[in-house]
Amino acid sequence: MSDQTANRSRAEQRFPIAAGEQRWAALVSYNGAGYCGFQRQKHSPSVQQPLEQALSAVANQPVLTTCAGRTDSGVHASGQVVHWDSAAPRTARNWLAGANRMLPDDIALGWVVAVDERFHARFSAYSRTYRYCILAAPTRPAVLAEGITWVRGELDVEAMRAALPALLGEQDFSAVRGAGCQSHSPNREVQAVTLTEHGQLLVLEITANAFLLHMVRNIVGALLWVGSGKKPSSWLAELLAGRDRCASAPTASGRGLYLVEVGYPAELGLPAVVRGPVWLPAQLDD
């Protein structure tokens, strides 16, 4: 099945809405440093909890959200997408302004739009894009310390780039799959991956149809071994072929990771997203 056909089929699916209710979609950004991830937890703070509390206050009735991707503990987002159904007579402006007034400073809505039963934040998506930000410097950063992973000294960026083609295509990613991953299959399709330099800042951008638990962070951990000279560029392909997580590098920190875009069929009518975080050089999106 071609990508265009697959995207069209997603746009044609139906996810029923109860009578009298409207489905809403929203773009959510958050600093994940203080949260155990997006998904609601019983004993730890999550992004979903204050988000649903704010939306419920706007609606004056309970609101439950569904997200495009459950980010890990400490991971950030500039392009997370959620949806919810509500019978409350509210406009998109009501939801946006009201929720942003009540949300904590580290969570914000970027837009809210009314959608129909073809839209589902998770199942309508055909791709997710993450960016991982690395500061290679002699000393640790004081500014943006929660939003960047610091690596002491220099990295061989060309060696890291030479390893990237091994990630492309559909394959078994067991070697970079986190323990406790609940996915039925270790297979994912990486559609694009780049590594760019901006002074001392390195930005890995990776797009796939979906990701396994800790997959991006484990890929970064492996690339850091290549960049530090512990392994050659060819090692990443060997690692993936071996499908052995125990043979890989330690998992990289969540603080440098951002969910920056979720891809949906154009027919669903969602607003365009500018990939973040906002402090990154604008030429990344050229």
C-alpha atoms as a PDB file:
ATOM      1  CA  MET A   1       0.000   0.000   0.000  1.00  0.00           C
ATOM      2  CA  SER A   2       1.413   3.412  -0.956  1.00  0.00           C
ATOM      3  CA  ASP A   3       1.825   6.164   1.650  1.00  0.00           C
ATOM      4  CA  GLN A   4      -0.826   8.246  -0.122  1.00  0.00           C
ATOM      5  CA  THR A   5      -3.317   5.370  -0.056  1.00  0.00           C
ATOM      6  CA  ALA A   6      -2.555   4.642   3.600  1.00  0.00           C
ATOM      7  CA  ASN A   7      -3.053   8.289   4.536  1.00  0.00           C
ATOM      8  CA  ARG A   8      -6.340   8.428   2.639  1.00  0.00           C
ATOM      9  CA  SER A   9      -7.594   5.319   4.441  1.00  0.00           C
ATOM     10  CA  ARG A  10      -6.798   6.952   7.773  1.00  0.00           C
ATOM     11  CA  ALA A  11      -8.784  10.014   6.755  1.00  0.00           C
ATOM     12  CA  GLU A  12     -11.741   7.799   5.861  1.00  0.00           C
ATOM     13  CA  GLN A  13     -11.900   5.890   9.155  1.00  0.00           C
ATOM     14  CA  ARG A  14     -14.666   6.699  11.607  1.00  0.00           C
ATOM     15  CA  PHE A  15     -14.427   6.989  15.392  1.00  0.00           C
ATOM     16  CA  PRO A  16     -18.021   7.552  16.560  1.00  0.00           C
ATOM     17  CA  ILE A  17     -18.993  10.537  18.671  1.00  0.00           C
ATOM     18  CA  ALA A  18     -21.887  10.280  21.149  1.00  0.00           C
ATOM     19  CA  ALA A  19     -25.078  12.124  20.250  1.00  0.00           C
ATOM     20  CA  GLY A  20     -24.978  15.771  21.293  1.00  0.00           C
ATOM     21  CA  GLU A  21     -21.202  15.876  21.627  1.00  0.00           C
ATOM     22  CA  GLN A  22     -18.517  17.638  19.586  1.00  0.00           C
ATOM     23  CA  ARG A  23     -14.991  16.345  19.109  1.00  0.00           C
ATOM     24  CA  TRP A  24     -12.156  18.792  19.627  1.00  0.00           C
ATOM     25  CA  ALA A  25      -8.466  18.533  18.739  1.00  0.00           C
ATOM     26  CA  ALA A  26      -5.698  20.573  20.326  1.00  0.00           C
ATOM     27  CA  LEU A  27      -1.969  21.135  20.038  1.00  0.00           C
ATOM     28  CA  VAL A  28      -0.253  20.787  23.419  1.00  0.00           C
ATOM     29  CA  SER A  29       3.244  21.877  24.390  1.00  0.00           C
ATOM     30  CA  TYR A  30       4.890  21.128  27.692  1.00  0.00           C
ATOM     31  CA  ASN A  31       8.110  21.125  29.641  1.00  0.00           C
ATOM     32  CA  GLY A  32       8.186  17.528  30.811  1.00  0.00           C
ATOM     33  CA  ALA A  33      10.868  17.972  33.470  1.00  0.00           C
ATOM     34  CA  GLY A  34       8.388  17.897  36.328  1.00  0.00           C
ATOM     35  CA  TYR A  35       6.212  15.083  35.010  1.00  0.00           C
ATOM     36  CA  CYS A  36       6.359  11.306  34.773  1.00  0.00           C
ATOM     37  CA  GLY A  37       5.214  11.530  31.143  1.00  0.00           C
ATOM     38  CA  PHE A  38       1.992  12.479  29.418  1.00  0.00           C
ATOM     39  CA  GLN A  39      -0.209   9.612  30.565  1.00  0.00           C
ATOM     40  CA  ARG A  40      -2.176   9.901  33.786  1.00  0.00           C
ATOM     41  CA  GLN A  41      -0.580   8.053  36.738  1.00  0.00           C
ATOM     42  CA  LYS A  42      -1.982   7.162  40.158  1.00  0.00           C
ATOM     43  CA  HIS A  43       1.023   8.159  42.247  1.00  0.00           C
ATOM     44  CA  SER A  44       3.085  10.509  40.053  1.00  0.00           C
ATOM     45  CA  PRO A  45       2.340  13.839  38.350  1.00  0.00           C
ATOM     46  CA  SER A  46       1.603  13.646  34.633  1.00  0.00           C
ATOM     47  CA  VAL A  47       0.799  16.155  31.899  1.00  0.00           C
ATOM     48  CA  GLN A  48      -2.625  14.609  31.333  1.00  0.00           C
ATOM     49  CA  GLN A  49      -3.843  15.345  34.865  1.00  0.00           C
ATOM     50  CA  PRO A  50      -3.622  19.165  34.860  1.00  0.00           C
ATOM     51  CA  LEU A  51      -4.663  19.253  31.196  1.00  0.00           C
ATOM     52  CA  GLU A  52      -7.890  17.382  31.899  1.00  0.00           C
ATOM     53  CA  GLN A  53      -8.507  19.418  35.043  1.00  0.00           C
ATOM     54  CA  ALA A  54      -8.264  22.655  33.052  1.00  0.00           C
ATOM     55  CA  LEU A  55     -10.504  21.404  30.225  1.00  0.00           C
ATOM     56  CA  SER A  56     -13.022  20.039  32.732  1.00  0.00           C
ATOM     57  CA  ALA A  57     -13.173  23.429  34.424  1.00  0.00           C
ATOM     58  CA  VAL A  58     -13.858  25.106  31.082  1.00  0.00           C
ATOM     59  CA  ALA A  59     -16.593  22.575  30.290  1.00  0.00           C
ATOM     60  CA  ASN A  60     -17.983  22.520  33.832  1.00  0.00           C
ATOM     61  CA  GLN A  61     -18.101  18.746  33.436  1.00  0.00           C
ATOM     62  CA  PRO A  62     -15.511  15.943  33.258  1.00  0.00           C
ATOM     63  CA  VAL A  63     -13.316  15.864  30.146  1.00  0.00           C
ATOM     64  CA  LEU A  64     -11.080  12.923  29.187  1.00  0.00           C
ATOM     65  CA  THR A  65      -8.343  13.314  26.583  1.00  0.00           C
ATOM     66  CA  THR A  66      -6.623  10.947  24.160  1.00  0.00           C
ATOM     67  CA  CYS A  67      -3.095  11.782  23.002  1.00  0.00           C
ATOM     68  CA  ALA A  68      -1.112  11.029  19.852  1.00  0.00           C
ATOM     69  CA  GLY A  69       1.860   9.633  21.772  1.00  0.00           C
ATOM     70  CA  ARG A  70       2.594   8.839  25.418  1.00  0.00           C
ATOM     71  CA  THR A  71       5.903  10.586  26.019  1.00  0.00           C
ATOM     72  CA  ASP A  72       8.332   9.271  28.643  1.00  0.00           C
ATOM     73  CA  SER A  73       9.135  10.744  32.031  1.00  0.00           C
ATOM     74  CA  GLY A  74      10.995  14.043  31.646  1.00  0.00           C
ATOM     75  CA  VAL A  75      10.348  14.259  27.889  1.00  0.00           C
ATOM     76  CA  HIS A  76       9.026  17.495  26.409  1.00  0.00           C
ATOM     77  CA  ALA A  77       6.648  18.336  23.557  1.00  0.00           C
ATOM     78  CA  SER A  78       5.988  21.232  21.226  1.00  0.00           C
ATOM     79  CA  GLY A  79       3.749  19.211  18.908  1.00  0.00           C
ATOM     80  CA  GLN A  80       1.698  16.807  21.009  1.00  0.00           C
ATOM     81  CA  VAL A  81      -1.891  16.442  19.776  1.00  0.00           C
ATOM     82  CA  VAL A  82      -4.909  15.412  21.847  1.00  0.00           C
ATOM     83  CA  HIS A  83      -8.635  15.077  21.299  1.00  0.00           C
ATOM     84  CA  TRP A  84     -11.681  14.990  23.537  1.00  0.00           C
ATOM     85  CA  ASP A  85     -15.466  14.813  23.131  1.00  0.00           C
ATOM     86  CA  SER A  86     -17.773  17.152  25.003  1.00  0.00           C
ATOM     87  CA  ALA A  87     -21.409  18.237  25.001  1.00  0.00           C
ATOM     88  CA  ALA A  88     -20.487  21.549  26.634  1.00  0.00           C
ATOM     89  CA  PRO A  89     -21.531  24.509  24.426  1.00  0.00           C
ATOM     90  CA  ARG A  90     -18.050  25.995  24.017  1.00  0.00           C
ATOM     91  CA  THR A  91     -16.207  27.526  21.073  1.00  0.00           C
ATOM     92  CA  ALA A  92     -12.612  26.803  20.102  1.00  0.00           C
ATOM     93  CA  ARG A  93     -11.709  30.214  21.538  1.00  0.00           C
ATOM     94  CA  ASN A  94     -13.416  29.319  24.845  1.00  0.00           C
ATOM     95  CA  TRP A  95     -11.412  26.102  25.128  1.00  0.00           C
ATOM     96  CA  LEU A  96      -8.104  27.725  24.174  1.00  0.00           C
ATOM     97  CA  ALA A  97      -8.287  30.836  26.320  1.00  0.00           C
ATOM     98  CA  GLY A  98      -9.972  29.164  29.268  1.00  0.00           C
ATOM     99  CA  ALA A  99      -7.640  26.190  29.480  1.00  0.00           C
ATOM    100  CA  ASN A 100      -4.497  28.298  29.079  1.00  0.00           C
ATOM    101  CA  ARG A 101      -5.598  30.534  31.962  1.00  0.00           C
ATOM    102  CA  MET A 102      -5.874  27.502  34.254  1.00  0.00           C
ATOM    103  CA  LEU A 103      -2.920  25.422  33.112  1.00  0.00           C
ATOM    104  CA  PRO A 104       0.428  25.618  34.917  1.00  0.00           C
ATOM    105  CA  ASP A 105       3.200  27.605  33.238  1.00  0.00           C
ATOM    106  CA  ASP A 106       4.867  24.462  31.888  1.00  0.00           C
ATOM    107  CA  ILE A 107       1.828  23.307  29.849  1.00  0.00           C
ATOM    108  CA  ALA A 108       0.023  25.285  27.130  1.00  0.00           C
ATOM    109  CA  LEU A 109      -2.398  24.805  24.260  1.00  0.00           C
ATOM    110  CA  GLY A 110      -1.292  26.165  20.881  1.00  0.00           C
ATOM    111  CA  TRP A 111      -4.594  25.799  19.036  1.00  0.00           C
ATOM    112  CA  VAL A 112      -7.990  24.130  19.380  1.00  0.00           C
ATOM    113  CA  VAL A 113     -10.168  23.121  16.416  1.00  0.00           C
ATOM    114  CA  ALA A 114     -13.459  21.289  15.997  1.00  0.00           C
ATOM    115  CA  VAL A 115     -13.049  17.969  14.157  1.00  0.00           C
ATOM    116  CA  ASP A 116     -15.417  15.260  13.015  1.00  0.00           C
ATOM    117  CA  GLU A 117     -15.585  11.525  13.680  1.00  0.00           C
ATOM    118  CA  ARG A 118     -12.830  10.830  11.163  1.00  0.00           C
ATOM    119  CA  PHE A 119     -10.278  12.227  13.613  1.00  0.00           C
ATOM    120  CA  HIS A 120      -8.561  10.309  16.388  1.00  0.00           C
ATOM    121  CA  ALA A 121      -5.396  11.761  17.921  1.00  0.00           C
ATOM    122  CA  ARG A 122      -3.636   8.406  17.986  1.00  0.00           C
ATOM    123  CA  PHE A 123      -5.140   6.228  15.277  1.00  0.00           C
ATOM    124  CA  SER A 124      -5.419   8.887  12.564  1.00  0.00           C
ATOM    125  CA  ALA A 125      -1.713   9.712  12.802  1.00  0.00           C
ATOM    126  CA  TYR A 126       0.646   8.336  10.175  1.00  0.00           C
ATOM    127  CA  SER A 127       3.920   9.650  11.635  1.00  0.00           C
ATOM    128  CA  ARG A 128       5.592  11.131  14.688  1.00  0.00           C
ATOM    129  CA  THR A 129       8.681  13.336  14.632  1.00  0.00           C
ATOM    130  CA  TYR A 130      11.035  13.803  17.547  1.00  0.00           C
ATOM    131  CA  ARG A 131      14.014  16.091  18.021  1.00  0.00           C
ATOM    132  CA  TYR A 132      16.808  15.334  20.449  1.00  0.00           C
ATOM    133  CA  CYS A 133      19.040  18.237  21.530  1.00  0.00           C
ATOM    134  CA  ILE A 134      22.627  17.609  22.637  1.00  0.00           C
ATOM    135  CA  LEU A 135      25.090  20.174  23.927  1.00  0.00           C
ATOM    136  CA  ALA A 136      28.680  19.005  23.386  1.00  0.00           C
ATOM    137  CA  ALA A 137      30.707  21.338  25.583  1.00  0.00           C
ATOM    138  CA  PRO A 138      33.466  21.246  28.235  1.00  0.00           C
ATOM    139  CA  THR A 139      31.132  22.433  31.012  1.00  0.00           C
ATOM    140  CA  ARG A 140      27.476  21.921  31.825  1.00  0.00           C
ATOM    141  CA  PRO A 141      24.867  24.505  30.742  1.00  0.00           C
ATOM    142  CA  ALA A 142      23.104  26.706  33.276  1.00  0.00           C
ATOM    143  CA  VAL A 143      20.444  27.990  30.859  1.00  0.00           C
ATOM    144  CA  LEU A 144      18.010  25.415  29.427  1.00  0.00           C
ATOM    145  CA  ALA A 145      19.622  22.729  31.584  1.00  0.00           C
ATOM    146  CA  GLU A 146      16.309  20.811  31.718  1.00  0.00           C
ATOM    147  CA  GLY A 147      15.863  20.969  27.956  1.00  0.00           C
ATOM    148  CA  ILE A 148      19.249  19.809  26.666  1.00  0.00           C
ATOM    149  CA  THR A 149      21.369  16.708  27.209  1.00  0.00           C
ATOM    150  CA  TRP A 150      24.923  17.732  28.028  1.00  0.00           C
ATOM    151  CA  VAL A 151      27.888  15.703  26.799  1.00  0.00           C
ATOM    152  CA  ARG A 152      31.296  16.728  28.098  1.00  0.00           C
ATOM    153  CA  GLY A 153      33.796  17.495  25.333  1.00  0.00           C
ATOM    154  CA  GLU A 154      33.547  16.959  21.590  1.00  0.00           C
ATOM    155  CA  LEU A 155      31.721  14.377  19.494  1.00  0.00           C
ATOM    156  CA  ASP A 156      32.648  13.021  16.062  1.00  0.00           C
ATOM    157  CA  VAL A 157      29.565  14.267  14.274  1.00  0.00           C
ATOM    158  CA  GLU A 158      30.562  12.837  10.890  1.00  0.00           C
ATOM    159  CA  ALA A 159      30.910   9.371  12.406  1.00  0.00           C
ATOM    160  CA  MET A 160      27.449   9.748  13.949  1.00  0.00           C
ATOM    161  CA  ARG A 161      25.991  10.845  10.608  1.00  0.00           C
ATOM    162  CA  ALA A 162      27.608   7.893   8.856  1.00  0.00           C
ATOM    163  CA  ALA A 163      25.690   5.557  11.199  1.00  0.00           C
ATOM    164  CA  LEU A 164      22.256   7.066  10.489  1.00  0.00           C
ATOM    165  CA  PRO A 165      21.342   5.158   7.269  1.00  0.00           C
ATOM    166  CA  ALA A 166      21.168   1.945   9.315  1.00  0.00           C
ATOM    167  CA  LEU A 167      18.041   3.337  10.981  1.00  0.00           C
ATOM    168  CA  LEU A 168      16.031   3.921   7.809  1.00  0.00           C
ATOM    169  CA  GLY A 169      13.237   1.676   6.598  1.00  0.00           C
ATOM    170  CA  GLU A 170      11.009  -0.872   8.293  1.00  0.00           C
ATOM    171  CA  GLN A 171      12.853  -3.281  10.557  1.00  0.00           C
ATOM    172  CA  ASP A 172      13.018  -4.919  13.980  1.00  0.00           C
ATOM    173  CA  PHE A 173      14.146  -2.359  16.570  1.00  0.00           C
ATOM    174  CA  SER A 174      14.415  -4.775  19.519  1.00  0.00           C
ATOM    175  CA  ALA A 175      17.990  -3.608  20.167  1.00  0.00           C
ATOM    176  CA  VAL A 176      16.717  -0.131  21.071  1.00  0.00           C
ATOM    177  CA  ARG A 177      13.445  -1.168  22.690  1.00  0.00           C
ATOM    178  CA  GLY A 178      12.957  -0.259  26.329  1.00  0.00           C
ATOM    179  CA  ALA A 179      12.241  -2.897  28.941  1.00  0.00           C
ATOM    180  CA  GLY A 180       8.547  -2.989  29.716  1.00  0.00           C
ATOM    181  CA  CYS A 181       7.492  -1.954  26.212  1.00  0.00           C
ATOM    182  CA  GLN A 182       3.926  -3.177  25.673  1.00  0.00           C
ATOM    183  CA  SER A 183       3.896  -3.044  21.874  1.00  0.00           C
ATOM    184  CA  HIS A 184       2.943  -6.332  20.211  1.00  0.00           C
ATOM    185  CA  SER A 185       5.624  -5.932  17.540  1.00  0.00           C
ATOM    186  CA  PRO A 186       9.197  -4.558  17.636  1.00  0.00           C
ATOM    187  CA  ASN A 187       8.932  -3.506  13.983  1.00  0.00           C
ATOM    188  CA  ARG A 188       8.784   0.180  13.115  1.00  0.00           C
ATOM    189  CA  GLU A 189       9.439   2.195   9.965  1.00  0.00           C
ATOM    190  CA  VAL A 190      11.858   5.105  10.260  1.00  0.00           C
ATOM    191  CA  GLN A 191      11.032   7.450   7.391  1.00  0.00           C
ATOM    192  CA  ALA A 192      13.679  10.145   7.868  1.00  0.00           C
ATOM    193  CA  VAL A 193      16.589  10.934  10.183  1.00  0.00           C
ATOM    194  CA  THR A 194      19.072  13.816  10.228  1.00  0.00           C
ATOM    195  CA  LEU A 195      21.766  15.190  12.525  1.00  0.00           C
ATOM    196  CA  THR A 196      22.523  18.906  12.278  1.00  0.00           C
ATOM    197  CA  GLU A 197      25.112  21.137  13.980  1.00  0.00           C
ATOM    198  CA  HIS A 198      24.420  24.614  15.347  1.00  0.00           C
ATOM    199  CA  GLY A 199      27.595  25.693  17.098  1.00  0.00           C
ATOM    200  CA  GLN A 200      27.969  23.368  20.084  1.00  0.00           C
ATOM    201  CA  LEU A 201      24.369  22.229  19.729  1.00  0.00           C
ATOM    202  CA  LEU A 202      23.545  18.980  17.896  1.00  0.00           C
ATOM    203  CA  VAL A 203      19.962  18.191  16.896  1.00  0.00           C
ATOM    204  CA  LEU A 204      18.884  14.703  15.904  1.00  0.00           C
ATOM    205  CA  GLU A 205      15.538  14.715  14.080  1.00  0.00           C
ATOM    206  CA  ILE A 206      13.815  11.393  13.460  1.00  0.00           C
ATOM    207  CA  THR A 207      10.449  10.574  11.900  1.00  0.00           C
ATOM    208  CA  ALA A 208       8.747   7.168  12.034  1.00  0.00           C
ATOM    209  CA  ASN A 209       5.285   5.722  11.722  1.00  0.00           C
ATOM    210  CA  ALA A 210       5.464   5.073  15.490  1.00  0.00           C
ATOM    211  CA  PHE A 211       8.085   4.499  18.181  1.00  0.00           C
ATOM    212  CA  LEU A 212       8.774   1.840  20.773  1.00  0.00           C
ATOM    213  CA  LEU A 213       9.280   2.631  24.450  1.00  0.00           C
ATOM    214  CA  HIS A 214      12.573   4.563  24.877  1.00  0.00           C
ATOM    215  CA  MET A 215      13.398   3.937  21.211  1.00  0.00           C
ATOM    216  CA  VAL A 216      14.670   7.440  20.424  1.00  0.00           C
ATOM    217  CA  ARG A 217      16.603   7.723  23.682  1.00  0.00           C
ATOM    218  CA  ASN A 218      18.259   4.352  23.076  1.00  0.00           C
ATOM    219  CA  ILE A 219      19.143   5.346  19.527  1.00  0.00           C
ATOM    220  CA  VAL A 220      20.740   8.523  20.877  1.00  0.00           C
ATOM    221  CA  GLY A 221      22.645   6.506  23.484  1.00  0.00           C
ATOM    222  CA  ALA A 222      24.048   4.309  20.708  1.00  0.00           C
ATOM    223  CA  LEU A 223      24.970   7.328  18.572  1.00  0.00           C
ATOM    224  CA  LEU A 224      26.775   8.908  21.526  1.00  0.00           C
ATOM    225  CA  TRP A 225      28.946   5.808  21.769  1.00  0.00           C
ATOM    226  CA  VAL A 226      29.763   6.228  18.085  1.00  0.00           C
ATOM    227  CA  GLY A 227      30.420   9.945  18.501  1.00  0.00           C
ATOM    228  CA  SER A 228      32.700   9.416  21.485  1.00  0.00           C
ATOM    229  CA  GLY A 229      34.766   6.810  19.625  1.00  0.00           C
ATOM    230  CA  LYS A 230      33.662   3.825  21.693  1.00  0.00           C
ATOM    231  CA  LYS A 231      32.157   2.198  18.613  1.00  0.00           C
ATOM    232  CA  PRO A 232      32.637   2.636  14.832  1.00  0.00           C
ATOM    233  CA  SER A 233      29.886   3.947  12.571  1.00  0.00           C
ATOM    234  CA  SER A 234      29.222   0.436  11.263  1.00  0.00           C
ATOM    235  CA  TRP A 235      28.349  -0.787  14.745  1.00  0.00           C
ATOM    236  CA  LEU A 236      24.810   0.657  14.752  1.00  0.00           C
ATOM    237  CA  ALA A 237      23.792  -1.564  11.816  1.00  0.00           C
ATOM    238  CA  GLU A 238      25.313  -4.573  13.569  1.00  0.00           C
ATOM    239  CA  LEU A 239      23.496  -3.697  16.784  1.00  0.00           C
ATOM    240  CA  LEU A 240      20.104  -3.490  15.068  1.00  0.00           C
ATOM    241  CA  ALA A 241      20.710  -6.733  13.185  1.00  0.00           C
ATOM    242  CA  GLY A 242      21.575  -8.497  16.456  1.00  0.00           C
ATOM    243  CA  ARG A 243      18.277  -7.424  18.106  1.00  0.00           C
ATOM    244  CA  ASP A 244      19.900  -7.572  21.557  1.00  0.00           C
ATOM    245  CA  ARG A 245      19.132  -4.646  23.864  1.00  0.00           C
ATOM    246  CA  CYS A 246      21.825  -5.820  26.278  1.00  0.00           C
ATOM    247  CA  ALA A 247      24.482  -5.193  23.620  1.00  0.00           C
ATOM    248  CA  SER A 248      23.535  -1.518  23.252  1.00  0.00           C
ATOM    249  CA  ALA A 249      24.572   1.666  25.027  1.00  0.00           C
ATOM    250  CA  PRO A 250      22.876   3.187  28.090  1.00  0.00           C
ATOM    251  CA  THR A 251      19.592   5.006  27.524  1.00  0.00           C
ATOM    252  CA  ALA A 252      20.109   8.728  26.937  1.00  0.00           C
ATOM    253  CA  SER A 253      18.417  11.230  29.232  1.00  0.00           C
ATOM    254  CA  GLY A 254      14.847  12.279  28.539  1.00  0.00           C
ATOM    255  CA  ARG A 255      15.640  15.946  29.080  1.00  0.00           C
ATOM    256  CA  GLY A 256      16.912  16.478  25.515  1.00  0.00           C
ATOM    257  CA  LEU A 257      13.916  14.860  23.795  1.00  0.00           C
ATOM    258  CA  TYR A 258      10.944  16.672  22.232  1.00  0.00           C
ATOM    259  CA  LEU A 259       7.868  15.406  20.380  1.00  0.00           C
ATOM    260  CA  VAL A 260       7.718  18.114  17.714  1.00  0.00           C
ATOM    261  CA  GLU A 261       5.143  16.970  15.170  1.00  0.00           C
ATOM    262  CA  VAL A 262       2.451  14.380  14.565  1.00  0.00           C
ATOM    263  CA  GLY A 263       1.542  13.764  10.941  1.00  0.00           C
ATOM    264  CA  TYR A 264      -2.122  13.558   9.894  1.00  0.00           C
ATOM    265  CA  PRO A 265      -3.833  13.380   6.486  1.00  0.00           C
ATOM    266  CA  ALA A 266      -4.495  16.857   5.108  1.00  0.00           C
ATOM    267  CA  GLU A 267      -8.164  15.962   4.653  1.00  0.00           C
ATOM    268  CA  LEU A 268      -8.664  16.068   8.416  1.00  0.00           C
ATOM    269  CA  GLY A 269      -8.089  19.818   8.359  1.00  0.00           C
ATOM    270  CA  LEU A 270      -5.713  20.335  11.285  1.00  0.00           C
ATOM    271  CA  PRO A 271      -3.618  23.528  11.395  1.00  0.00           C
ATOM    272  CA  ALA A 272       0.013  23.376  10.312  1.00  0.00           C
ATOM    273  CA  VAL A 273       2.594  22.893  13.057  1.00  0.00           C
ATOM    274  CA  VAL A 274       5.943  24.668  13.351  1.00  0.00           C
ATOM    275  CA  ARG A 275       8.366  22.157  14.781  1.00  0.00           C
ATOM    276  CA  GLY A 276       9.890  23.274  18.060  1.00  0.00           C
ATOM    277  CA  PRO A 277      11.231  23.888  20.563  1.00  0.00           C
ATOM    278  CA  VAL A 278      10.954  27.611  19.901  1.00  0.00           C
ATOM    279  CA  TRP A 279      14.573  28.372  20.821  1.00  0.00           C
ATOM    280  CA  LEU A 280      16.029  26.153  18.082  1.00  0.00           C
ATOM    281  CA  PRO A 281      17.543  27.835  14.988  1.00  0.00           C
ATOM    282  CA  ALA A 282      14.863  28.644  12.420  1.00  0.00           C
ATOM    283  CA  GLN A 283      16.887  27.088   9.570  1.00  0.00           C
ATOM    284  CA  LEU A 284      16.048  23.641  10.911  1.00  0.00           C
ATOM    285  CA  ASP A 285      12.656  23.990   9.206  1.00  0.00           C
ATOM    286  CA  ASP A 286      13.976  25.357   5.905  1.00  0.00           C
END
